[in-house]
Amino acid sequence: MKSIRNGLVNYVSFVRTYDMQAEAYNVKLEKVVGSVEYNFYGLQDISSFDACNDFITLTIDLIDTDIDGGEYYLTISGASGDYAKYLCNVKDHEYVNSTNANSLLASTVKISNL
């Protein structure tokens, strides 16, 4: 499972297969439950398309694009079609345990935006 976080530029690596010879890749995120879809077009491999490299690393910018948190199907595609499909978790919040042991709310969990 891949994991990305809202508010950051995410670097996501994938194993390069023999058919991944595109100069630019497209990434589609489809919500597992629901019909929400996000598309990122023309993503460049940060290794400058080194065909000898066993991995490709794509940057997914979630600073300008705000995605609802949850599980998505992440599909990588290029000029010749879809290459691979992964399960991806988009984090848009975090759980913070209370640190004050003497407090009435010591066993509560606070959910905060990133």
PDB file of N, CA and C in Angstrom:
ATOM      1  N   MET A   1       0.839  -1.168   0.000  1.00  0.00           N
ATOM      2  CA  MET A   1       0.000   0.000   0.000  1.00  0.00           C
ATOM      3  C   MET A   1       0.887   1.234   0.000  1.00  0.00           C
ATOM      4  N   LYS A   2       0.554   2.182  -0.842  1.00  0.00           N
ATOM      5  CA  LYS A   2       1.243   3.461  -0.876  1.00  0.00           C
ATOM      6  C   LYS A   2       0.563   4.410   0.094  1.00  0.00           C
ATOM      7  N   SER A   3       1.280   5.424   0.556  1.00  0.00           N
ATOM      8  CA  SER A   3       0.718   6.403   1.468  1.00  0.00           C
ATOM      9  C   SER A   3       1.187   7.791   1.067  1.00  0.00           C
ATOM     10  N   ILE A   4       0.242   8.722   0.968  1.00  0.00           N
ATOM     11  CA  ILE A   4       0.565  10.117   0.674  1.00  0.00           C
ATOM     12  C   ILE A   4      -0.173  10.999   1.667  1.00  0.00           C
ATOM     13  N   ARG A   5       0.287  12.245   1.806  1.00  0.00           N
ATOM     14  CA  ARG A   5      -0.269  13.139   2.817  1.00  0.00           C
ATOM     15  C   ARG A   5      -0.626  14.489   2.201  1.00  0.00           C
ATOM     16  N   ASN A   6      -1.791  14.996   2.591  1.00  0.00           N
ATOM     17  CA  ASN A   6      -2.218  16.327   2.155  1.00  0.00           C
ATOM     18  C   ASN A   6      -1.268  17.395   2.677  1.00  0.00           C
ATOM     19  N   GLY A   7      -1.124  18.458   1.929  1.00  0.00           N
ATOM     20  CA  GLY A   7      -0.295  19.586   2.347  1.00  0.00           C
ATOM     21  C   GLY A   7       1.180  19.432   2.074  1.00  0.00           C
ATOM     22  N   LEU A   8       1.584  18.377   1.358  1.00  0.00           N
ATOM     23  CA  LEU A   8       2.994  18.126   1.076  1.00  0.00           C
ATOM     24  C   LEU A   8       3.190  17.772  -0.395  1.00  0.00           C
ATOM     25  N   VAL A   9       4.435  17.883  -0.847  1.00  0.00           N
ATOM     26  CA  VAL A   9       4.819  17.295  -2.128  1.00  0.00           C
ATOM     27  C   VAL A   9       5.297  15.889  -1.794  1.00  0.00           C
ATOM     28  N   ASN A  10       4.591  14.898  -2.294  1.00  0.00           N
ATOM     29  CA  ASN A  10       4.861  13.500  -1.982  1.00  0.00           C
ATOM     30  C   ASN A  10       5.713  12.867  -3.071  1.00  0.00           C
ATOM     31  N   TYR A  11       6.714  12.104  -2.674  1.00  0.00           N
ATOM     32  CA  TYR A  11       7.551  11.351  -3.607  1.00  0.00           C
ATOM     33  C   TYR A  11       7.170   9.886  -3.473  1.00  0.00           C
ATOM     34  N   VAL A  12       6.618   9.311  -4.533  1.00  0.00           N
ATOM     35  CA  VAL A  12       6.119   7.945  -4.493  1.00  0.00           C
ATOM     36  C   VAL A  12       6.913   7.115  -5.506  1.00  0.00           C
ATOM     37  N   SER A  13       7.497   6.014  -5.034  1.00  0.00           N
ATOM     38  CA  SER A  13       8.320   5.157  -5.890  1.00  0.00           C
ATOM     39  C   SER A  13       7.555   3.906  -6.306  1.00  0.00           C
ATOM     40  N   PHE A  14       7.848   3.453  -7.520  1.00  0.00           N
ATOM     41  CA  PHE A  14       7.221   2.273  -8.085  1.00  0.00           C
ATOM     42  C   PHE A  14       8.292   1.436  -8.775  1.00  0.00           C
ATOM     43  N   VAL A  15       8.119   0.129  -8.761  1.00  0.00           N
ATOM     44  CA  VAL A  15       9.022  -0.750  -9.485  1.00  0.00           C
ATOM     45  C   VAL A  15       8.778  -0.551 -10.976  1.00  0.00           C
ATOM     46  N   ARG A  16       9.863  -0.315 -11.726  1.00  0.00           N
ATOM     47  CA  ARG A  16       9.762  -0.115 -13.172  1.00  0.00           C
ATOM     48  C   ARG A  16       9.631  -1.481 -13.848  1.00  0.00           C
ATOM     49  N   THR A  17       8.590  -1.623 -14.664  1.00  0.00           N
ATOM     50  CA  THR A  17       8.418  -2.835 -15.447  1.00  0.00           C
ATOM     51  C   THR A  17       8.919  -2.584 -16.862  1.00  0.00           C
ATOM     52  N   TYR A  18       9.047  -3.643 -17.630  1.00  0.00           N
ATOM     53  CA  TYR A  18       9.608  -3.520 -18.979  1.00  0.00           C
ATOM     54  C   TYR A  18       8.778  -2.607 -19.881  1.00  0.00           C
ATOM     55  N   ASP A  19       7.475  -2.488 -19.625  1.00  0.00           N
ATOM     56  CA  ASP A  19       6.631  -1.657 -20.485  1.00  0.00           C
ATOM     57  C   ASP A  19       6.536  -0.201 -20.035  1.00  0.00           C
ATOM     58  N   MET A  20       7.166   0.178 -18.934  1.00  0.00           N
ATOM     59  CA  MET A  20       7.124   1.558 -18.441  1.00  0.00           C
ATOM     60  C   MET A  20       8.196   2.392 -19.127  1.00  0.00           C
ATOM     61  N   GLN A  21       7.964   2.747 -20.349  1.00  0.00           N
ATOM     62  CA  GLN A  21       8.928   3.516 -21.124  1.00  0.00           C
ATOM     63  C   GLN A  21       8.388   4.895 -21.501  1.00  0.00           C
ATOM     64  N   ALA A  22       7.435   5.404 -20.749  1.00  0.00           N
ATOM     65  CA  ALA A  22       6.846   6.708 -21.051  1.00  0.00           C
ATOM     66  C   ALA A  22       7.780   7.826 -20.615  1.00  0.00           C
ATOM     67  N   GLU A  23       7.678   8.952 -21.284  1.00  0.00           N
ATOM     68  CA  GLU A  23       8.444  10.132 -20.866  1.00  0.00           C
ATOM     69  C   GLU A  23       7.706  10.896 -19.774  1.00  0.00           C
ATOM     70  N   ALA A  24       6.399  10.737 -19.729  1.00  0.00           N
ATOM     71  CA  ALA A  24       5.581  11.349 -18.684  1.00  0.00           C
ATOM     72  C   ALA A  24       4.508  10.349 -18.281  1.00  0.00           C
ATOM     73  N   TYR A  25       4.183  10.359 -17.007  1.00  0.00           N
ATOM     74  CA  TYR A  25       3.212   9.415 -16.469  1.00  0.00           C
ATOM     75  C   TYR A  25       1.982  10.162 -15.972  1.00  0.00           C
ATOM     76  N   ASN A  26       0.866   9.459 -15.955  1.00  0.00           N
ATOM     77  CA  ASN A  26      -0.365   9.983 -15.397  1.00  0.00           C
ATOM     78  C   ASN A  26      -0.723   9.135 -14.190  1.00  0.00           C
ATOM     79  N   VAL A  27      -1.224   9.795 -13.143  1.00  0.00           N
ATOM     80  CA  VAL A  27      -1.648   9.093 -11.941  1.00  0.00           C
ATOM     81  C   VAL A  27      -3.109   9.436 -11.699  1.00  0.00           C
ATOM     82  N   LYS A  28      -3.905   8.391 -11.523  1.00  0.00           N
ATOM     83  CA  LYS A  28      -5.321   8.572 -11.222  1.00  0.00           C
ATOM     84  C   LYS A  28      -5.586   7.974  -9.855  1.00  0.00           C
ATOM     85  N   LEU A  29      -6.263   8.750  -8.991  1.00  0.00           N
ATOM     86  CA  LEU A  29      -6.677   8.284  -7.684  1.00  0.00           C
ATOM     87  C   LEU A  29      -8.196   8.162  -7.686  1.00  0.00           C
ATOM     88  N   GLU A  30      -8.696   6.930  -7.480  1.00  0.00           N
ATOM     89  CA  GLU A  30     -10.129   6.680  -7.427  1.00  0.00           C
ATOM     90  C   GLU A  30     -10.496   6.219  -6.024  1.00  0.00           C
ATOM     91  N   LYS A  31     -11.433   6.909  -5.399  1.00  0.00           N
ATOM     92  CA  LYS A  31     -11.855   6.558  -4.042  1.00  0.00           C
ATOM     93  C   LYS A  31     -12.406   5.133  -4.031  1.00  0.00           C
ATOM     94  N   VAL A  32     -11.979   4.327  -3.051  1.00  0.00           N
ATOM     95  CA  VAL A  32     -12.431   2.947  -2.951  1.00  0.00           C
ATOM     96  C   VAL A  32     -13.940   2.904  -2.712  1.00  0.00           C
ATOM     97  N   VAL A  33     -14.426   3.738  -1.790  1.00  0.00           N
ATOM     98  CA  VAL A  33     -15.858   3.829  -1.514  1.00  0.00           C
ATOM     99  C   VAL A  33     -16.331   5.198  -1.986  1.00  0.00           C
ATOM    100  N   GLY A  34     -17.150   5.219  -3.010  1.00  0.00           N
ATOM    101  CA  GLY A  34     -17.635   6.480  -3.561  1.00  0.00           C
ATOM    102  C   GLY A  34     -17.193   6.637  -4.998  1.00  0.00           C
ATOM    103  N   SER A  35     -17.433   7.818  -5.528  1.00  0.00           N
ATOM    104  CA  SER A  35     -17.130   8.050  -6.946  1.00  0.00           C
ATOM    105  C   SER A  35     -16.177   9.216  -7.161  1.00  0.00           C
ATOM    106  N   VAL A  36     -15.404   9.575  -6.154  1.00  0.00           N
ATOM    107  CA  VAL A  36     -14.462  10.687  -6.261  1.00  0.00           C
ATOM    108  C   VAL A  36     -13.222  10.226  -7.009  1.00  0.00           C
ATOM    109  N   GLU A  37     -12.730  11.079  -7.909  1.00  0.00           N
ATOM    110  CA  GLU A  37     -11.552  10.749  -8.711  1.00  0.00           C
ATOM    111  C   GLU A  37     -10.683  11.990  -8.864  1.00  0.00           C
ATOM    112  N   TYR A  38      -9.379  11.814  -8.737  1.00  0.00           N
ATOM    113  CA  TYR A  38      -8.395  12.889  -8.936  1.00  0.00           C
ATOM    114  C   TYR A  38      -7.386  12.416  -9.973  1.00  0.00           C
ATOM    115  N   ASN A  39      -6.988  13.312 -10.867  1.00  0.00           N
ATOM    116  CA  ASN A  39      -6.033  12.970 -11.922  1.00  0.00           C
ATOM    117  C   ASN A  39      -4.851  13.922 -11.888  1.00  0.00           C
ATOM    118  N   PHE A  40      -3.669  13.376 -12.062  1.00  0.00           N
ATOM    119  CA  PHE A  40      -2.427  14.145 -12.159  1.00  0.00           C
ATOM    120  C   PHE A  40      -1.766  13.741 -13.468  1.00  0.00           C
ATOM    121  N   TYR A  41      -1.582  14.702 -14.358  1.00  0.00           N
ATOM    122  CA  TYR A  41      -1.076  14.415 -15.703  1.00  0.00           C
ATOM    123  C   TYR A  41       0.349  14.927 -15.889  1.00  0.00           C
ATOM    124  N   GLY A  42       1.112  14.234 -16.725  1.00  0.00           N
ATOM    125  CA  GLY A  42       2.443  14.688 -17.131  1.00  0.00           C
ATOM    126  C   GLY A  42       3.492  14.647 -16.045  1.00  0.00           C
ATOM    127  N   LEU A  43       3.409  13.699 -15.136  1.00  0.00           N
ATOM    128  CA  LEU A  43       4.396  13.595 -14.061  1.00  0.00           C
ATOM    129  C   LEU A  43       5.689  12.990 -14.596  1.00  0.00           C
ATOM    130  N   GLN A  44       6.802  13.613 -14.259  1.00  0.00           N
ATOM    131  CA  GLN A  44       8.114  13.176 -14.724  1.00  0.00           C
ATOM    132  C   GLN A  44       8.805  12.347 -13.649  1.00  0.00           C
ATOM    133  N   ASP A  45       9.514  11.323 -14.075  1.00  0.00           N
ATOM    134  CA  ASP A  45      10.340  10.528 -13.177  1.00  0.00           C
ATOM    135  C   ASP A  45      11.502  11.411 -12.714  1.00  0.00           C
ATOM    136  N   ILE A  46      11.726  11.493 -11.394  1.00  0.00           N
ATOM    137  CA  ILE A  46      12.781  12.389 -10.908  1.00  0.00           C
ATOM    138  C   ILE A  46      14.182  11.877 -11.198  1.00  0.00           C
ATOM    139  N   SER A  47      14.305  10.633 -11.650  1.00  0.00           N
ATOM    140  CA  SER A  47      15.626  10.110 -12.013  1.00  0.00           C
ATOM    141  C   SER A  47      15.963  10.435 -13.468  1.00  0.00           C
ATOM    142  N   SER A  48      15.277  11.394 -14.035  1.00  0.00           N
ATOM    143  CA  SER A  48      15.539  11.882 -15.398  1.00  0.00           C
ATOM    144  C   SER A  48      15.444  10.788 -16.443  1.00  0.00           C
ATOM    145  N   PHE A  49      14.475   9.899 -16.274  1.00  0.00           N
ATOM    146  CA  PHE A  49      14.207   8.834 -17.230  1.00  0.00           C
ATOM    147  C   PHE A  49      15.450   7.991 -17.494  1.00  0.00           C
ATOM    148  N   ASP A  50      16.060   7.544 -16.431  1.00  0.00           N
ATOM    149  CA  ASP A  50      17.199   6.642 -16.522  1.00  0.00           C
ATOM    150  C   ASP A  50      16.663   5.222 -16.701  1.00  0.00           C
ATOM    151  N   ALA A  51      16.754   4.685 -17.904  1.00  0.00           N
ATOM    152  CA  ALA A  51      16.179   3.372 -18.213  1.00  0.00           C
ATOM    153  C   ALA A  51      16.836   2.244 -17.424  1.00  0.00           C
ATOM    154  N   CYS A  52      18.027   2.483 -16.887  1.00  0.00           N
ATOM    155  CA  CYS A  52      18.720   1.451 -16.122  1.00  0.00           C
ATOM    156  C   CYS A  52      18.248   1.394 -14.667  1.00  0.00           C
ATOM    157  N   ASN A  53      17.509   2.402 -14.241  1.00  0.00           N
ATOM    158  CA  ASN A  53      17.020   2.441 -12.874  1.00  0.00           C
ATOM    159  C   ASN A  53      15.863   1.462 -12.717  1.00  0.00           C
ATOM    160  N   ASP A  54      15.834   0.704 -11.624  1.00  0.00           N
ATOM    161  CA  ASP A  54      14.790  -0.288 -11.382  1.00  0.00           C
ATOM    162  C   ASP A  54      13.497   0.315 -10.855  1.00  0.00           C
ATOM    163  N   PHE A  55      13.523   1.596 -10.495  1.00  0.00           N
ATOM    164  CA  PHE A  55      12.353   2.252  -9.927  1.00  0.00           C
ATOM    165  C   PHE A  55      12.081   3.561 -10.672  1.00  0.00           C
ATOM    166  N   ILE A  56      10.830   3.981 -10.635  1.00  0.00           N
ATOM    167  CA  ILE A  56      10.496   5.337 -11.027  1.00  0.00           C
ATOM    168  C   ILE A  56       9.975   6.034  -9.777  1.00  0.00           C
ATOM    169  N   THR A  57      10.260   7.303  -9.652  1.00  0.00           N
ATOM    170  CA  THR A  57       9.772   8.092  -8.528  1.00  0.00           C
ATOM    171  C   THR A  57       9.040   9.295  -9.086  1.00  0.00           C
ATOM    172  N   LEU A  58       7.771   9.405  -8.725  1.00  0.00           N
ATOM    173  CA  LEU A  58       6.927  10.490  -9.212  1.00  0.00           C
ATOM    174  C   LEU A  58       6.584  11.418  -8.059  1.00  0.00           C
ATOM    175  N   THR A  59       6.450  12.698  -8.371  1.00  0.00           N
ATOM    176  CA  THR A  59       6.047  13.674  -7.363  1.00  0.00           C
ATOM    177  C   THR A  59       4.559  13.955  -7.513  1.00  0.00           C
ATOM    178  N   ILE A  60       3.848  13.801  -6.420  1.00  0.00           N
ATOM    179  CA  ILE A  60       2.425  14.119  -6.386  1.00  0.00           C
ATOM    180  C   ILE A  60       2.265  15.303  -5.447  1.00  0.00           C
ATOM    181  N   ASP A  61       1.930  16.447  -6.020  1.00  0.00           N
ATOM    182  CA  ASP A  61       1.846  17.699  -5.276  1.00  0.00           C
ATOM    183  C   ASP A  61       0.458  17.844  -4.660  1.00  0.00           C
ATOM    184  N   LEU A  62       0.389  17.721  -3.341  1.00  0.00           N
ATOM    185  CA  LEU A  62      -0.882  17.901  -2.638  1.00  0.00           C
ATOM    186  C   LEU A  62      -0.884  19.184  -1.814  1.00  0.00           C
ATOM    187  N   ILE A  63      -0.049  20.144  -2.222  1.00  0.00           N
ATOM    188  CA  ILE A  63      -0.089  21.459  -1.581  1.00  0.00           C
ATOM    189  C   ILE A  63      -1.231  22.266  -2.175  1.00  0.00           C
ATOM    190  N   ASP A  64      -1.324  22.273  -3.489  1.00  0.00           N
ATOM    191  CA  ASP A  64      -2.375  23.037  -4.169  1.00  0.00           C
ATOM    192  C   ASP A  64      -3.661  22.244  -4.327  1.00  0.00           C
ATOM    193  N   THR A  65      -3.580  20.931  -4.345  1.00  0.00           N
ATOM    194  CA  THR A  65      -4.753  20.072  -4.511  1.00  0.00           C
ATOM    195  C   THR A  65      -5.060  19.411  -3.171  1.00  0.00           C
ATOM    196  N   ASP A  66      -6.244  19.666  -2.642  1.00  0.00           N
ATOM    197  CA  ASP A  66      -6.648  19.091  -1.366  1.00  0.00           C
ATOM    198  C   ASP A  66      -7.525  17.880  -1.637  1.00  0.00           C
ATOM    199  N   ILE A  67      -7.097  16.720  -1.163  1.00  0.00           N
ATOM    200  CA  ILE A  67      -7.799  15.466  -1.399  1.00  0.00           C
ATOM    201  C   ILE A  67      -8.416  14.996  -0.089  1.00  0.00           C
ATOM    202  N   ASP A  68      -9.643  14.508  -0.164  1.00  0.00           N
ATOM    203  CA  ASP A  68     -10.273  13.922   1.013  1.00  0.00           C
ATOM    204  C   ASP A  68      -9.480  12.706   1.452  1.00  0.00           C
ATOM    205  N   GLY A  69      -9.324  12.536   2.743  1.00  0.00           N
ATOM    206  CA  GLY A  69      -8.585  11.399   3.263  1.00  0.00           C
ATOM    207  C   GLY A  69      -9.316  10.092   3.046  1.00  0.00           C
ATOM    208  N   GLY A  70      -8.575   9.013   3.062  1.00  0.00           N
ATOM    209  CA  GLY A  70      -9.158   7.694   2.913  1.00  0.00           C
ATOM    210  C   GLY A  70      -8.365   6.825   1.966  1.00  0.00           C
ATOM    211  N   GLU A  71      -8.968   5.715   1.568  1.00  0.00           N
ATOM    212  CA  GLU A  71      -8.299   4.771   0.680  1.00  0.00           C
ATOM    213  C   GLU A  71      -8.717   4.998  -0.767  1.00  0.00           C
ATOM    214  N   TYR A  72      -7.715   4.923  -1.638  1.00  0.00           N
ATOM    215  CA  TYR A  72      -7.916   5.139  -3.065  1.00  0.00           C
ATOM    216  C   TYR A  72      -7.221   4.028  -3.841  1.00  0.00           C
ATOM    217  N   TYR A  73      -7.697   3.785  -5.055  1.00  0.00           N
ATOM    218  CA  TYR A  73      -6.956   2.989  -6.017  1.00  0.00           C
ATOM    219  C   TYR A  73      -6.087   3.954  -6.796  1.00  0.00           C
ATOM    220  N   LEU A  74      -4.779   3.726  -6.814  1.00  0.00           N
ATOM    221  CA  LEU A  74      -3.829   4.567  -7.541  1.00  0.00           C
ATOM    222  C   LEU A  74      -3.428   3.818  -8.804  1.00  0.00           C
ATOM    223  N   THR A  75      -3.702   4.421  -9.958  1.00  0.00           N
ATOM    224  CA  THR A  75      -3.379   3.803 -11.240  1.00  0.00           C
ATOM    225  C   THR A  75      -2.342   4.643 -11.953  1.00  0.00           C
ATOM    226  N   ILE A  76      -1.232   4.016 -12.357  1.00  0.00           N
ATOM    227  CA  ILE A  76      -0.196   4.685 -13.150  1.00  0.00           C
ATOM    228  C   ILE A  76      -0.430   4.326 -14.604  1.00  0.00           C
ATOM    229  N   SER A  77      -0.408   5.343 -15.456  1.00  0.00           N
ATOM    230  CA  SER A  77      -0.579   5.091 -16.888  1.00  0.00           C
ATOM    231  C   SER A  77       0.396   5.949 -17.677  1.00  0.00           C
ATOM    232  N   GLY A  78       0.535   5.595 -18.940  1.00  0.00           N
ATOM    233  CA  GLY A  78       1.386   6.334 -19.862  1.00  0.00           C
ATOM    234  C   GLY A  78       0.749   6.310 -21.232  1.00  0.00           C
ATOM    235  N   ALA A  79       1.540   6.570 -22.232  1.00  0.00           N
ATOM    236  CA  ALA A  79       1.031   6.628 -23.606  1.00  0.00           C
ATOM    237  C   ALA A  79       0.463   5.299 -24.079  1.00  0.00           C
ATOM    238  N   SER A  80       0.997   4.198 -23.568  1.00  0.00           N
ATOM    239  CA  SER A  80       0.541   2.888 -24.037  1.00  0.00           C
ATOM    240  C   SER A  80      -0.527   2.261 -23.141  1.00  0.00           C
ATOM    241  N   GLY A  81      -1.076   2.996 -22.193  1.00  0.00           N
ATOM    242  CA  GLY A  81      -2.141   2.481 -21.345  1.00  0.00           C
ATOM    243  C   GLY A  81      -1.746   2.404 -19.884  1.00  0.00           C
ATOM    244  N   ASP A  82      -2.544   1.653 -19.115  1.00  0.00           N
ATOM    245  CA  ASP A  82      -2.296   1.508 -17.685  1.00  0.00           C
ATOM    246  C   ASP A  82      -1.144   0.538 -17.433  1.00  0.00           C
ATOM    247  N   TYR A  83      -0.259   0.924 -16.487  1.00  0.00           N
ATOM    248  CA  TYR A  83       0.873   0.079 -16.139  1.00  0.00           C
ATOM    249  C   TYR A  83       0.621  -0.731 -14.873  1.00  0.00           C
ATOM    250  N   ALA A  84       0.130  -0.071 -13.827  1.00  0.00           N
ATOM    251  CA  ALA A  84      -0.025  -0.748 -12.549  1.00  0.00           C
ATOM    252  C   ALA A  84      -1.114  -0.075 -11.731  1.00  0.00           C
ATOM    253  N   LYS A  85      -1.669  -0.846 -10.783  1.00  0.00           N
ATOM    254  CA  LYS A  85      -2.698  -0.335  -9.891  1.00  0.00           C
ATOM    255  C   LYS A  85      -2.330  -0.721  -8.469  1.00  0.00           C
ATOM    256  N   TYR A  86      -2.384   0.252  -7.558  1.00  0.00           N
ATOM    257  CA  TYR A  86      -2.020   0.055  -6.165  1.00  0.00           C
ATOM    258  C   TYR A  86      -3.140   0.561  -5.270  1.00  0.00           C
ATOM    259  N   LEU A  87      -3.112   0.134  -4.021  1.00  0.00           N
ATOM    260  CA  LEU A  87      -3.971   0.702  -3.003  1.00  0.00           C
ATOM    261  C   LEU A  87      -3.187   1.823  -2.333  1.00  0.00           C
ATOM    262  N   CYS A  88      -3.832   2.963  -2.123  1.00  0.00           N
ATOM    263  CA  CYS A  88      -3.143   4.140  -1.589  1.00  0.00           C
ATOM    264  C   CYS A  88      -3.964   4.754  -0.467  1.00  0.00           C
ATOM    265  N   ASN A  89      -3.298   5.108   0.626  1.00  0.00           N
ATOM    266  CA  ASN A  89      -3.942   5.786   1.742  1.00  0.00           C
ATOM    267  C   ASN A  89      -3.579   7.263   1.687  1.00  0.00           C
ATOM    268  N   VAL A  90      -4.589   8.126   1.671  1.00  0.00           N
ATOM    269  CA  VAL A  90      -4.373   9.568   1.704  1.00  0.00           C
ATOM    270  C   VAL A  90      -4.645  10.037   3.127  1.00  0.00           C
ATOM    271  N   LYS A  91      -3.627  10.598   3.763  1.00  0.00           N
ATOM    272  CA  LYS A  91      -3.754  11.077   5.137  1.00  0.00           C
ATOM    273  C   LYS A  91      -4.083  12.567   5.116  1.00  0.00           C
ATOM    274  N   ASP A  92      -5.178  12.937   5.769  1.00  0.00           N
ATOM    275  CA  ASP A  92      -5.508  14.356   5.875  1.00  0.00           C
ATOM    276  C   ASP A  92      -5.748  14.775   7.315  1.00  0.00           C
ATOM    277  N   HIS A  93      -5.479  13.876   8.270  1.00  0.00           N
ATOM    278  CA  HIS A  93      -5.598  14.190   9.688  1.00  0.00           C
ATOM    279  C   HIS A  93      -4.663  13.261  10.463  1.00  0.00           C
ATOM    280  N   GLU A  94      -4.477  13.578  11.709  1.00  0.00           N
ATOM    281  CA  GLU A  94      -3.665  12.701  12.551  1.00  0.00           C
ATOM    282  C   GLU A  94      -4.320  12.598  13.924  1.00  0.00           C
ATOM    283  N   TYR A  95      -4.043  11.500  14.614  1.00  0.00           N
ATOM    284  CA  TYR A  95      -4.570  11.281  15.947  1.00  0.00           C
ATOM    285  C   TYR A  95      -3.501  11.672  16.959  1.00  0.00           C
ATOM    286  N   VAL A  96      -3.893  12.468  17.961  1.00  0.00           N
ATOM    287  CA  VAL A  96      -2.967  12.928  18.986  1.00  0.00           C
ATOM    288  C   VAL A  96      -3.524  12.513  20.340  1.00  0.00           C
ATOM    289  N   ASN A  97      -2.776  11.697  21.075  1.00  0.00           N
ATOM    290  CA  ASN A  97      -3.208  11.299  22.419  1.00  0.00           C
ATOM    291  C   ASN A  97      -2.955  12.420  23.396  1.00  0.00           C
ATOM    292  N   SER A  98      -3.842  12.559  24.359  1.00  0.00           N
ATOM    293  CA  SER A  98      -3.676  13.566  25.396  1.00  0.00           C
ATOM    294  C   SER A  98      -2.449  13.224  26.229  1.00  0.00           C
ATOM    295  N   THR A  99      -1.684  14.244  26.619  1.00  0.00           N
ATOM    296  CA  THR A  99      -0.456  14.000  27.388  1.00  0.00           C
ATOM    297  C   THR A  99      -0.619  14.307  28.865  1.00  0.00           C
ATOM    298  N   ASN A 100      -1.738  14.888  29.253  1.00  0.00           N
ATOM    299  CA  ASN A 100      -1.935  15.251  30.651  1.00  0.00           C
ATOM    300  C   ASN A 100      -2.599  14.080  31.371  1.00  0.00           C
ATOM    301  N   ALA A 101      -1.831  13.295  32.126  1.00  0.00           N
ATOM    302  CA  ALA A 101      -2.346  12.093  32.782  1.00  0.00           C
ATOM    303  C   ALA A 101      -3.308  12.414  33.923  1.00  0.00           C
ATOM    304  N   ASN A 102      -3.217  13.598  34.523  1.00  0.00           N
ATOM    305  CA  ASN A 102      -4.072  13.964  35.649  1.00  0.00           C
ATOM    306  C   ASN A 102      -5.371  14.619  35.205  1.00  0.00           C
ATOM    307  N   SER A 103      -5.535  14.791  33.939  1.00  0.00           N
ATOM    308  CA  SER A 103      -6.709  15.474  33.407  1.00  0.00           C
ATOM    309  C   SER A 103      -7.891  14.521  33.308  1.00  0.00           C
ATOM    310  N   LEU A 104      -9.075  15.081  33.380  1.00  0.00           N
ATOM    311  CA  LEU A 104     -10.299  14.307  33.193  1.00  0.00           C
ATOM    312  C   LEU A 104     -10.344  13.708  31.786  1.00  0.00           C
ATOM    313  N   LEU A 105      -9.725  14.393  30.814  1.00  0.00           N
ATOM    314  CA  LEU A 105      -9.737  13.957  29.424  1.00  0.00           C
ATOM    315  C   LEU A 105      -8.452  13.226  29.030  1.00  0.00           C
ATOM    316  N   ALA A 106      -7.773  12.614  29.994  1.00  0.00           N
ATOM    317  CA  ALA A 106      -6.473  11.995  29.732  1.00  0.00           C
ATOM    318  C   ALA A 106      -6.549  10.833  28.753  1.00  0.00           C
ATOM    319  N   SER A 107      -7.670  10.157  28.686  1.00  0.00           N
ATOM    320  CA  SER A 107      -7.761   9.007  27.785  1.00  0.00           C
ATOM    321  C   SER A 107      -8.453   9.338  26.469  1.00  0.00           C
ATOM    322  N   THR A 108      -8.592  10.597  26.151  1.00  0.00           N
ATOM    323  CA  THR A 108      -9.257  10.990  24.912  1.00  0.00           C
ATOM    324  C   THR A 108      -8.237  11.112  23.781  1.00  0.00           C
ATOM    325  N   VAL A 109      -8.744  11.058  22.568  1.00  0.00           N
ATOM    326  CA  VAL A 109      -7.920  11.214  21.374  1.00  0.00           C
ATOM    327  C   VAL A 109      -8.441  12.422  20.615  1.00  0.00           C
ATOM    328  N   LYS A 110      -7.553  13.301  20.229  1.00  0.00           N
ATOM    329  CA  LYS A 110      -7.904  14.493  19.486  1.00  0.00           C
ATOM    330  C   LYS A 110      -7.538  14.267  18.020  1.00  0.00           C
ATOM    331  N   ILE A 111      -8.467  14.586  17.119  1.00  0.00           N
ATOM    332  CA  ILE A 111      -8.186  14.498  15.690  1.00  0.00           C
ATOM    333  C   ILE A 111      -7.912  15.906  15.190  1.00  0.00           C
ATOM    334  N   SER A 112      -6.739  16.119  14.607  1.00  0.00           N
ATOM    335  CA  SER A 112      -6.378  17.448  14.124  1.00  0.00           C
ATOM    336  C   SER A 112      -5.996  17.393  12.669  1.00  0.00           C
ATOM    337  N   ASN A 113      -6.228  18.503  11.962  1.00  0.00           N
ATOM    338  CA  ASN A 113      -5.790  18.604  10.565  1.00  0.00           C
ATOM    339  C   ASN A 113      -4.298  18.739  10.544  1.00  0.00           C
ATOM    340  N   LEU A 114      -3.700  18.292   9.442  1.00  0.00           N
ATOM    341  CA  LEU A 114      -2.240  18.363   9.305  1.00  0.00           C
ATOM    342  C   LEU A 114      -1.788  19.754   9.045  1.00  0.00           C
TER     343      LEU A 114
END
